[in-house]
Amino acid sequence: MFFKNVLFLISISIIYLGLIPPRIINLDIQEARAVKYLRQLPTELDKYVYLMKIHDENETLFYHIAMKYLGEIMPLIYTPTVGSACQNFSYIPQRPNGLYISINDKNHIGEVLSLFSIL
C-alpha cells in the first residue's frame, strides 16, 4: 500500500510539474512580502494596480491584507485612487477576466460555453 501511495504522488507530481510551486509559503510571509513591496511603490495608482494583481492571483491574500491594513489600503482600493484608475483604465495592463458573449454569438452560445470550459 505504501508503494502504491508513493507512485500516486509521483504521478501527480509529474502531471502538475511546473504548474504548482515547489513549496507552500504561509500567509504571514506572503503578507510581509506584499506589504513591503506595496509600500515601496511610488504612486497610489501603482499601488492600486499591484493590489488588483494580488486580487486576481490570490484573493485570500488580498482580503487578508485589506482587512489587516484597512486604513492604509482603503484609499487605494476605493476613493480617490479608483477614480484615477478609471481615468487611466486603458493604460493599465489588464488580464482577461470572465467570459464574453456578444449578440453575434446568440446562435452559438453552447459552443462558446464549451470552449470556455476547456480553458
C-alpha atoms as a PDB file:
ATOM      1  CA  MET A   1       0.000   0.000   0.000  1.00  0.00           C
ATOM      2  CA  PHE A   2       2.860   2.375   0.841  1.00  0.00           C
ATOM      3  CA  PHE A   3       4.432   1.983  -2.600  1.00  0.00           C
ATOM      4  CA  LYS A   4       1.080   2.476  -4.272  1.00  0.00           C
ATOM      5  CA  ASN A   5       0.699   5.833  -2.461  1.00  0.00           C
ATOM      6  CA  VAL A   6       4.247   6.850  -3.380  1.00  0.00           C
ATOM      7  CA  LEU A   7       3.639   6.014  -7.039  1.00  0.00           C
ATOM      8  CA  PHE A   8       0.411   8.011  -6.953  1.00  0.00           C
ATOM      9  CA  LEU A   9       2.214  11.044  -5.514  1.00  0.00           C
ATOM     10  CA  ILE A  10       4.967  10.761  -8.115  1.00  0.00           C
ATOM     11  CA  SER A  11       2.444  10.526 -10.952  1.00  0.00           C
ATOM     12  CA  ILE A  12       0.545  13.559  -9.614  1.00  0.00           C
ATOM     13  CA  SER A  13       3.831  15.462  -9.285  1.00  0.00           C
ATOM     14  CA  ILE A  14       4.659  14.757 -12.931  1.00  0.00           C
ATOM     15  CA  ILE A  15       1.219  15.855 -14.134  1.00  0.00           C
ATOM     16  CA  TYR A  16       1.477  19.179 -12.301  1.00  0.00           C
ATOM     17  CA  LEU A  17       5.191  19.718 -12.976  1.00  0.00           C
ATOM     18  CA  GLY A  18       5.740  23.430 -13.407  1.00  0.00           C
ATOM     19  CA  LEU A  19       2.107  24.278 -12.676  1.00  0.00           C
ATOM     20  CA  ILE A  20       2.292  24.479  -8.899  1.00  0.00           C
ATOM     21  CA  PRO A  21       5.033  25.940  -6.718  1.00  0.00           C
ATOM     22  CA  PRO A  22       7.547  23.530  -5.210  1.00  0.00           C
ATOM     23  CA  ARG A  23       6.538  24.601  -1.709  1.00  0.00           C
ATOM     24  CA  ILE A  24       3.780  26.467   0.011  1.00  0.00           C
ATOM     25  CA  ILE A  25       4.592  29.817   1.601  1.00  0.00           C
ATOM     26  CA  ASN A  26       2.388  30.616   4.576  1.00  0.00           C
ATOM     27  CA  LEU A  27       0.077  33.601   4.592  1.00  0.00           C
ATOM     28  CA  ASP A  28       2.156  35.638   7.064  1.00  0.00           C
ATOM     29  CA  ILE A  29       5.243  35.509   4.842  1.00  0.00           C
ATOM     30  CA  GLN A  30       3.180  36.339   1.747  1.00  0.00           C
ATOM     31  CA  GLU A  31       1.639  39.279   3.617  1.00  0.00           C
ATOM     32  CA  ALA A  32       5.010  40.615   4.774  1.00  0.00           C
ATOM     33  CA  ARG A  33       6.438  40.448   1.248  1.00  0.00           C
ATOM     34  CA  ALA A  34       3.387  42.004  -0.377  1.00  0.00           C
ATOM     35  CA  VAL A  35       3.075  44.867   2.113  1.00  0.00           C
ATOM     36  CA  LYS A  36       6.803  45.623   1.929  1.00  0.00           C
ATOM     37  CA  TYR A  37       6.647  45.773  -1.867  1.00  0.00           C
ATOM     38  CA  LEU A  38       3.400  47.765  -1.810  1.00  0.00           C
ATOM     39  CA  ARG A  39       4.930  50.427   0.448  1.00  0.00           C
ATOM     40  CA  GLN A  40       7.889  50.817  -1.931  1.00  0.00           C
ATOM     41  CA  LEU A  41       5.735  51.657  -4.946  1.00  0.00           C
ATOM     42  CA  PRO A  42       5.933  55.341  -5.886  1.00  0.00           C
ATOM     43  CA  THR A  43       2.319  56.275  -6.696  1.00  0.00           C
ATOM     44  CA  GLU A  44      -1.142  55.388  -5.462  1.00  0.00           C
ATOM     45  CA  LEU A  45      -2.039  54.198  -8.951  1.00  0.00           C
ATOM     46  CA  ASP A  46       0.926  51.795  -8.967  1.00  0.00           C
ATOM     47  CA  LYS A  47      -0.212  50.511  -5.580  1.00  0.00           C
ATOM     48  CA  TYR A  48      -3.768  50.064  -6.893  1.00  0.00           C
ATOM     49  CA  VAL A  49      -2.520  48.069  -9.908  1.00  0.00           C
ATOM     50  CA  TYR A  50      -0.393  45.875  -7.628  1.00  0.00           C
ATOM     51  CA  LEU A  51      -3.300  45.237  -5.260  1.00  0.00           C
ATOM     52  CA  MET A  52      -5.576  44.313  -8.172  1.00  0.00           C
ATOM     53  CA  LYS A  53      -2.897  41.876  -9.356  1.00  0.00           C
ATOM     54  CA  ILE A  54      -2.907  40.280  -5.918  1.00  0.00           C
ATOM     55  CA  HIS A  55      -6.713  40.200  -6.018  1.00  0.00           C
ATOM     56  CA  ASP A  56      -6.657  38.366  -9.367  1.00  0.00           C
ATOM     57  CA  GLU A  57      -3.980  35.873  -8.331  1.00  0.00           C
ATOM     58  CA  ASN A  58      -4.630  35.276  -4.627  1.00  0.00           C
ATOM     59  CA  GLU A  59      -7.928  36.533  -3.197  1.00  0.00           C
ATOM     60  CA  THR A  60      -7.147  35.112   0.235  1.00  0.00           C
ATOM     61  CA  LEU A  61      -4.001  37.226   0.476  1.00  0.00           C
ATOM     62  CA  PHE A  62      -5.768  40.295  -0.898  1.00  0.00           C
ATOM     63  CA  TYR A  63      -8.587  40.205   1.643  1.00  0.00           C
ATOM     64  CA  HIS A  64      -6.189  39.345   4.454  1.00  0.00           C
ATOM     65  CA  ILE A  65      -4.116  42.446   3.668  1.00  0.00           C
ATOM     66  CA  ALA A  66      -7.191  44.600   3.108  1.00  0.00           C
ATOM     67  CA  MET A  67      -8.655  43.655   6.489  1.00  0.00           C
ATOM     68  CA  LYS A  68      -5.400  43.895   8.440  1.00  0.00           C
ATOM     69  CA  TYR A  69      -4.285  47.202   6.892  1.00  0.00           C
ATOM     70  CA  LEU A  70      -7.731  48.676   6.255  1.00  0.00           C
ATOM     71  CA  GLY A  71      -6.771  52.297   6.938  1.00  0.00           C
ATOM     72  CA  GLU A  72      -3.797  52.099   4.611  1.00  0.00           C
ATOM     73  CA  ILE A  73      -5.440  50.027   1.869  1.00  0.00           C
ATOM     74  CA  MET A  74      -8.923  51.575   1.693  1.00  0.00           C
ATOM     75  CA  PRO A  75      -7.820  54.820  -0.040  1.00  0.00           C
ATOM     76  CA  LEU A  76      -6.025  52.680  -2.623  1.00  0.00           C
ATOM     77  CA  ILE A  77      -8.927  50.360  -3.477  1.00  0.00           C
ATOM     78  CA  TYR A  78     -11.661  52.975  -3.130  1.00  0.00           C
ATOM     79  CA  THR A  79     -11.915  56.745  -3.444  1.00  0.00           C
ATOM     80  CA  PRO A  80      -9.782  58.599  -4.584  1.00  0.00           C
ATOM     81  CA  THR A  81      -7.450  56.105  -6.305  1.00  0.00           C
ATOM     82  CA  VAL A  82     -10.192  54.205  -8.119  1.00  0.00           C
ATOM     83  CA  GLY A  83     -11.200  57.458  -9.825  1.00  0.00           C
ATOM     84  CA  SER A  84      -7.667  57.831 -11.138  1.00  0.00           C
ATOM     85  CA  ALA A  85      -7.667  54.163 -12.170  1.00  0.00           C
ATOM     86  CA  CYS A  86     -10.880  54.716 -14.136  1.00  0.00           C
ATOM     87  CA  GLN A  87      -9.389  57.727 -15.894  1.00  0.00           C
ATOM     88  CA  ASN A  88      -6.274  55.720 -16.772  1.00  0.00           C
ATOM     89  CA  PHE A  89      -8.005  52.391 -17.392  1.00  0.00           C
ATOM     90  CA  SER A  90      -6.769  51.984 -20.967  1.00  0.00           C
ATOM     91  CA  TYR A  91      -3.161  52.425 -19.786  1.00  0.00           C
ATOM     92  CA  ILE A  92      -3.341  49.818 -17.014  1.00  0.00           C
ATOM     93  CA  PRO A  93      -2.382  46.294 -18.117  1.00  0.00           C
ATOM     94  CA  GLN A  94      -5.399  44.026 -17.751  1.00  0.00           C
ATOM     95  CA  ARG A  95      -5.684  40.275 -17.722  1.00  0.00           C
ATOM     96  CA  PRO A  96      -8.787  38.880 -19.437  1.00  0.00           C
ATOM     97  CA  ASN A  97     -11.278  38.004 -16.761  1.00  0.00           C
ATOM     98  CA  GLY A  98     -14.549  36.291 -17.438  1.00  0.00           C
ATOM     99  CA  LEU A  99     -16.471  35.181 -20.477  1.00  0.00           C
ATOM    100  CA  TYR A 100     -17.701  37.452 -23.243  1.00  0.00           C
ATOM    101  CA  ILE A 101     -20.749  36.594 -25.291  1.00  0.00           C
ATOM    102  CA  SER A 102     -21.875  39.110 -27.885  1.00  0.00           C
ATOM    103  CA  ILE A 103     -25.192  39.403 -29.647  1.00  0.00           C
ATOM    104  CA  ASN A 104     -23.464  37.864 -32.667  1.00  0.00           C
ATOM    105  CA  ASP A 105     -22.969  34.661 -30.666  1.00  0.00           C
ATOM    106  CA  LYS A 106     -26.673  34.155 -29.957  1.00  0.00           C
ATOM    107  CA  ASN A 107     -26.890  31.057 -32.153  1.00  0.00           C
ATOM    108  CA  HIS A 108     -23.613  29.616 -30.808  1.00  0.00           C
ATOM    109  CA  ILE A 109     -23.840  30.088 -27.038  1.00  0.00           C
ATOM    110  CA  GLY A 110     -23.384  26.374 -26.373  1.00  0.00           C
ATOM    111  CA  GLU A 111     -20.179  26.316 -28.407  1.00  0.00           C
ATOM    112  CA  VAL A 112     -18.847  29.439 -26.672  1.00  0.00           C
ATOM    113  CA  LEU A 113     -19.547  27.921 -23.260  1.00  0.00           C
ATOM    114  CA  SER A 114     -17.926  24.614 -24.174  1.00  0.00           C
ATOM    115  CA  LEU A 115     -14.797  26.396 -25.442  1.00  0.00           C
ATOM    116  CA  PHE A 116     -14.609  28.464 -22.271  1.00  0.00           C
ATOM    117  CA  SER A 117     -14.826  25.385 -20.082  1.00  0.00           C
ATOM    118  CA  ILE A 118     -11.661  23.886 -21.595  1.00  0.00           C
ATOM    119  CA  LEU A 119      -9.537  26.970 -20.886  1.00  0.00           C
END
